[in-house]
């Protein structure tokens, strides 16, 4: 059995260590949520790139066509990457840089 003094000490220790840990957990939650929900936040803020809805039967542009359009819009840049989102193949992202070095 714990003495009243030991019980009071353990209660105080438990309370303050929990408060300190709670601050760190809250910090992790607040900083992690934007990382998890960045697509949804982007949609709400209007900063997410979204492909417009296309009518049925519209042919898709080939990757070569997408890269030609990107080069035509930025002739002074070099294509580094071309990728599409994991959940959609209707949208292509191209990354262009001033030099061939990454």
N, C-alpha and C. Protein backbone atom coordinates (compact mmCIF):
# COMPACT_ATOMS: atom_id res chain seq x y z
N UNK A 1 0.83 -1.17 0.00
CA UNK A 1 0.00 0.00 0.00
C UNK A 1 0.88 1.24 0.00
N UNK A 2 0.39 2.25 -0.68
CA UNK A 2 1.13 3.50 -0.72
C UNK A 2 0.73 4.37 0.47
N UNK A 3 1.71 5.05 0.97
CA UNK A 3 1.42 6.01 2.04
C UNK A 3 0.74 7.23 1.42
N UNK A 4 0.02 8.02 2.21
CA UNK A 4 -0.63 9.21 1.66
C UNK A 4 0.36 10.16 0.97
N UNK A 5 1.55 10.27 1.52
CA UNK A 5 2.55 11.16 0.91
C UNK A 5 3.01 10.60 -0.44
N UNK A 6 3.25 9.29 -0.53
CA UNK A 6 3.67 8.67 -1.79
C UNK A 6 2.55 8.77 -2.83
N UNK A 7 1.32 8.57 -2.39
CA UNK A 7 0.18 8.68 -3.30
C UNK A 7 0.06 10.10 -3.85
N UNK A 8 0.25 11.08 -2.99
CA UNK A 8 0.20 12.48 -3.41
C UNK A 8 1.33 12.79 -4.40
N UNK A 9 2.52 12.24 -4.14
CA UNK A 9 3.66 12.45 -5.04
C UNK A 9 3.39 11.82 -6.40
N UNK A 10 2.90 10.59 -6.43
CA UNK A 10 2.60 9.91 -7.69
C UNK A 10 1.48 10.62 -8.45
N UNK A 11 0.50 11.13 -7.74
CA UNK A 11 -0.59 11.86 -8.39
C UNK A 11 -0.06 13.13 -9.05
N UNK A 12 0.78 13.86 -8.32
CA UNK A 12 1.37 15.08 -8.86
C UNK A 12 2.23 14.76 -10.07
N UNK A 13 3.07 13.73 -9.98
CA UNK A 13 3.95 13.32 -11.07
C UNK A 13 3.14 12.89 -12.30
N UNK A 14 2.10 12.11 -12.07
CA UNK A 14 1.26 11.63 -13.17
C UNK A 14 0.55 12.80 -13.86
N UNK A 15 0.03 13.73 -13.08
CA UNK A 15 -0.68 14.87 -13.64
C UNK A 15 0.23 15.73 -14.52
N UNK A 16 1.40 16.09 -14.02
CA UNK A 16 2.27 16.99 -14.77
C UNK A 16 2.97 16.30 -15.94
N UNK A 17 3.31 15.04 -15.78
CA UNK A 17 3.91 14.33 -16.93
C UNK A 17 2.86 14.15 -18.04
N UNK A 18 1.61 13.93 -17.65
CA UNK A 18 0.54 13.82 -18.66
C UNK A 18 0.31 15.14 -19.38
N UNK A 19 0.35 16.24 -18.65
CA UNK A 19 0.17 17.54 -19.29
C UNK A 19 1.30 17.84 -20.27
N UNK A 20 2.52 17.51 -19.90
CA UNK A 20 3.66 17.73 -20.80
C UNK A 20 3.51 16.86 -22.05
N UNK A 21 3.16 15.60 -21.87
CA UNK A 21 2.99 14.70 -23.01
C UNK A 21 1.82 15.14 -23.89
N UNK A 22 0.77 15.67 -23.28
CA UNK A 22 -0.39 16.13 -24.04
C UNK A 22 -0.01 17.28 -24.96
N UNK A 23 0.84 18.16 -24.49
CA UNK A 23 1.28 19.28 -25.33
C UNK A 23 2.01 18.77 -26.57
N UNK A 24 2.89 17.79 -26.40
CA UNK A 24 3.61 17.23 -27.54
C UNK A 24 2.66 16.48 -28.48
N UNK A 25 1.71 15.74 -27.93
CA UNK A 25 0.75 15.02 -28.77
C UNK A 25 -0.13 16.01 -29.55
N UNK A 26 -0.55 17.08 -28.91
CA UNK A 26 -1.34 18.10 -29.59
C UNK A 26 -0.54 18.74 -30.72
N UNK A 27 0.72 19.01 -30.47
CA UNK A 27 1.59 19.57 -31.49
C UNK A 27 1.73 18.61 -32.68
N UNK A 28 1.90 17.33 -32.40
CA UNK A 28 1.99 16.34 -33.47
C UNK A 28 0.70 16.27 -34.27
N UNK A 29 -0.42 16.32 -33.60
CA UNK A 29 -1.71 16.26 -34.30
C UNK A 29 -1.91 17.48 -35.18
N UNK A 30 -1.63 18.65 -34.65
CA UNK A 30 -1.85 19.87 -35.42
C UNK A 30 -0.92 19.99 -36.62
N UNK A 31 0.32 19.53 -36.49
CA UNK A 31 1.25 19.61 -37.61
C UNK A 31 1.07 18.46 -38.59
N UNK A 32 0.53 17.35 -38.14
CA UNK A 32 0.34 16.20 -39.02
C UNK A 32 -0.92 16.26 -39.85
N UNK A 33 -1.96 16.94 -39.35
CA UNK A 33 -3.22 16.99 -40.08
C UNK A 33 -3.08 17.64 -41.46
N UNK A 34 -2.37 18.74 -41.61
CA UNK A 34 -2.22 19.29 -42.97
C UNK A 34 -1.47 18.34 -43.91
N UNK A 35 -0.58 17.53 -43.37
CA UNK A 35 0.13 16.58 -44.23
C UNK A 35 -0.80 15.47 -44.71
N UNK A 36 -1.71 15.05 -43.85
CA UNK A 36 -2.63 13.98 -44.21
C UNK A 36 -3.72 14.47 -45.16
N UNK A 37 -4.25 15.65 -44.89
CA UNK A 37 -5.39 16.15 -45.64
C UNK A 37 -5.02 17.27 -46.62
N UNK A 38 -3.80 17.25 -47.17
CA UNK A 38 -3.39 18.35 -48.05
C UNK A 38 -4.22 18.43 -49.33
N UNK A 39 -4.70 17.29 -49.85
CA UNK A 39 -5.54 17.35 -51.04
C UNK A 39 -6.88 18.02 -50.74
N UNK A 40 -7.50 17.61 -49.63
CA UNK A 40 -8.79 18.18 -49.26
C UNK A 40 -8.67 19.67 -48.93
N UNK A 41 -7.59 20.04 -48.25
CA UNK A 41 -7.37 21.45 -47.93
C UNK A 41 -7.15 22.25 -49.21
N UNK A 42 -6.41 21.68 -50.16
CA UNK A 42 -6.20 22.33 -51.44
C UNK A 42 -7.50 22.54 -52.21
N UNK A 43 -8.40 21.55 -52.15
CA UNK A 43 -9.69 21.70 -52.82
C UNK A 43 -10.51 22.81 -52.16
N UNK A 44 -10.50 22.87 -50.84
CA UNK A 44 -11.25 23.91 -50.13
C UNK A 44 -10.71 25.30 -50.42
N UNK A 45 -9.38 25.43 -50.49
CA UNK A 45 -8.76 26.74 -50.72
C UNK A 45 -8.72 27.12 -52.20
N UNK A 46 -8.99 26.15 -53.07
CA UNK A 46 -8.95 26.43 -54.50
C UNK A 46 -7.56 26.44 -55.09
N UNK A 47 -6.59 25.85 -54.40
CA UNK A 47 -5.22 25.83 -54.91
C UNK A 47 -4.87 24.49 -55.56
N UNK A 48 -5.75 23.53 -55.49
CA UNK A 48 -5.50 22.21 -56.06
C UNK A 48 -5.83 22.24 -57.55
N UNK A 49 -4.97 21.66 -58.37
CA UNK A 49 -5.20 21.59 -59.81
C UNK A 49 -6.23 20.50 -60.06
N UNK A 50 -7.31 20.87 -60.74
CA UNK A 50 -8.36 19.90 -61.05
C UNK A 50 -8.61 19.89 -62.55
N UNK A 51 -8.72 18.71 -63.10
CA UNK A 51 -9.03 18.60 -64.52
C UNK A 51 -10.51 18.90 -64.72
N UNK A 52 -10.84 19.67 -65.75
CA UNK A 52 -12.26 19.95 -66.00
C UNK A 52 -12.96 18.68 -66.48
N UNK A 53 -14.24 18.54 -66.22
CA UNK A 53 -14.95 17.35 -66.70
C UNK A 53 -15.02 17.36 -68.22
N UNK A 54 -14.72 16.22 -68.81
CA UNK A 54 -14.71 16.10 -70.26
C UNK A 54 -15.91 15.27 -70.70
N UNK A 55 -16.48 15.58 -71.87
CA UNK A 55 -17.60 14.78 -72.37
C UNK A 55 -17.14 13.35 -72.68
N UNK A 56 -18.09 12.43 -72.62
CA UNK A 56 -17.78 11.03 -72.92
C UNK A 56 -17.25 10.92 -74.35
N UNK A 57 -16.28 10.07 -74.53
CA UNK A 57 -15.72 9.82 -75.85
C UNK A 57 -14.63 10.79 -76.27
N UNK A 58 -14.29 11.74 -75.42
CA UNK A 58 -13.21 12.67 -75.75
C UNK A 58 -11.88 11.92 -75.70
N UNK A 59 -11.10 11.96 -76.79
CA UNK A 59 -9.83 11.23 -76.76
C UNK A 59 -8.84 11.90 -75.80
N UNK A 60 -8.05 11.08 -75.15
CA UNK A 60 -7.05 11.60 -74.23
C UNK A 60 -5.80 12.01 -75.00
N UNK A 61 -5.17 13.05 -74.51
CA UNK A 61 -3.91 13.48 -75.12
C UNK A 61 -2.80 12.52 -74.71
N UNK A 62 -1.91 12.24 -75.62
CA UNK A 62 -0.79 11.36 -75.29
C UNK A 62 0.23 12.14 -74.46
N UNK A 63 1.12 11.41 -73.83
CA UNK A 63 2.15 12.05 -73.02
C UNK A 63 3.05 12.92 -73.90
N UNK A 64 3.32 12.48 -75.13
CA UNK A 64 4.13 13.29 -76.04
C UNK A 64 3.47 14.64 -76.33
N UNK A 65 2.16 14.63 -76.50
CA UNK A 65 1.43 15.87 -76.74
C UNK A 65 1.49 16.79 -75.53
N UNK A 66 1.33 16.21 -74.34
CA UNK A 66 1.39 17.00 -73.10
C UNK A 66 2.76 17.65 -72.97
N UNK A 67 3.82 16.90 -73.26
CA UNK A 67 5.17 17.45 -73.15
C UNK A 67 5.44 18.51 -74.22
N UNK A 68 4.90 18.33 -75.43
CA UNK A 68 5.05 19.34 -76.47
C UNK A 68 4.38 20.66 -76.07
N UNK A 69 3.20 20.57 -75.48
CA UNK A 69 2.49 21.78 -75.02
C UNK A 69 3.28 22.45 -73.91
N UNK A 70 3.82 21.66 -72.98
CA UNK A 70 4.62 22.24 -71.88
C UNK A 70 5.86 22.93 -72.42
N UNK A 71 6.54 22.30 -73.38
CA UNK A 71 7.73 22.92 -73.97
C UNK A 71 7.37 24.18 -74.76
N UNK A 72 6.21 24.18 -75.41
CA UNK A 72 5.79 25.35 -76.18
C UNK A 72 5.48 26.53 -75.26
N UNK A 73 4.92 26.26 -74.09
CA UNK A 73 4.59 27.34 -73.16
C UNK A 73 5.83 27.88 -72.46
N UNK A 74 6.84 27.03 -72.29
CA UNK A 74 8.08 27.44 -71.61
C UNK A 74 9.28 26.96 -72.44
N UNK A 75 9.58 27.61 -73.57
CA UNK A 75 10.65 27.13 -74.44
C UNK A 75 12.05 27.24 -73.83
N UNK A 76 12.22 28.08 -72.81
CA UNK A 76 13.53 28.26 -72.20
C UNK A 76 13.80 27.25 -71.09
N UNK A 77 12.88 26.33 -70.86
CA UNK A 77 13.04 25.37 -69.76
C UNK A 77 13.14 23.94 -70.29
N UNK A 78 13.64 23.06 -69.41
CA UNK A 78 13.85 21.65 -69.75
C UNK A 78 12.88 20.80 -68.92
N UNK A 79 12.26 19.82 -69.55
CA UNK A 79 11.33 18.94 -68.83
C UNK A 79 12.13 18.02 -67.92
N UNK A 80 11.79 18.02 -66.64
CA UNK A 80 12.45 17.14 -65.68
C UNK A 80 11.59 15.91 -65.38
N UNK A 81 10.32 16.13 -65.08
CA UNK A 81 9.44 15.04 -64.67
C UNK A 81 8.08 15.20 -65.32
N UNK A 82 7.42 14.07 -65.52
CA UNK A 82 6.02 14.04 -65.91
C UNK A 82 5.37 12.95 -65.08
N UNK A 83 4.32 13.30 -64.38
CA UNK A 83 3.65 12.32 -63.51
C UNK A 83 2.17 12.63 -63.44
N UNK A 84 1.41 11.66 -62.97
CA UNK A 84 -0.02 11.88 -62.74
C UNK A 84 -0.35 11.46 -61.32
N UNK A 85 -1.43 12.00 -60.76
CA UNK A 85 -1.81 11.64 -59.40
C UNK A 85 -2.13 10.15 -59.30
N UNK A 86 -1.98 9.60 -58.11
CA UNK A 86 -2.24 8.18 -57.91
C UNK A 86 -3.69 7.81 -58.18
N UNK A 87 -4.60 8.71 -57.87
CA UNK A 87 -6.02 8.38 -57.97
C UNK A 87 -6.66 8.78 -59.31
N UNK A 88 -5.88 9.35 -60.23
CA UNK A 88 -6.45 9.78 -61.51
C UNK A 88 -5.38 9.74 -62.60
N UNK A 89 -5.77 9.20 -63.74
CA UNK A 89 -4.86 9.21 -64.89
C UNK A 89 -5.31 10.25 -65.92
N UNK A 90 -6.29 11.08 -65.56
CA UNK A 90 -6.79 12.10 -66.47
C UNK A 90 -6.00 13.39 -66.41
N UNK A 91 -5.04 13.48 -65.52
CA UNK A 91 -4.31 14.72 -65.29
C UNK A 91 -2.81 14.42 -65.28
N UNK A 92 -2.03 15.23 -65.98
CA UNK A 92 -0.58 15.08 -65.99
C UNK A 92 0.06 16.32 -65.40
N UNK A 93 1.05 16.11 -64.55
CA UNK A 93 1.86 17.20 -64.01
C UNK A 93 3.21 17.15 -64.69
N UNK A 94 3.70 18.29 -65.15
CA UNK A 94 5.04 18.35 -65.73
C UNK A 94 5.87 19.33 -64.91
N UNK A 95 7.10 18.96 -64.67
CA UNK A 95 8.03 19.82 -63.94
C UNK A 95 9.11 20.25 -64.91
N UNK A 96 9.24 21.56 -65.07
CA UNK A 96 10.24 22.11 -65.98
C UNK A 96 11.22 22.95 -65.17
N UNK A 97 12.49 22.86 -65.52
CA UNK A 97 13.53 23.61 -64.81
C UNK A 97 14.38 24.38 -65.81
N UNK A 98 15.08 25.42 -65.35
CA UNK A 98 15.92 26.21 -66.27
C UNK A 98 17.10 25.43 -66.84
N UNK A 99 17.60 24.45 -66.08
CA UNK A 99 18.76 23.68 -66.53
C UNK A 99 18.45 22.19 -66.43
N UNK A 100 19.20 21.34 -67.13
CA UNK A 100 18.96 19.90 -67.02
C UNK A 100 19.30 19.31 -65.66
N UNK A 101 20.09 20.03 -64.86
CA UNK A 101 20.44 19.51 -63.54
C UNK A 101 19.23 19.60 -62.62
N UNK A 102 18.98 18.54 -61.82
CA UNK A 102 17.82 18.58 -60.91
C UNK A 102 17.94 19.63 -59.84
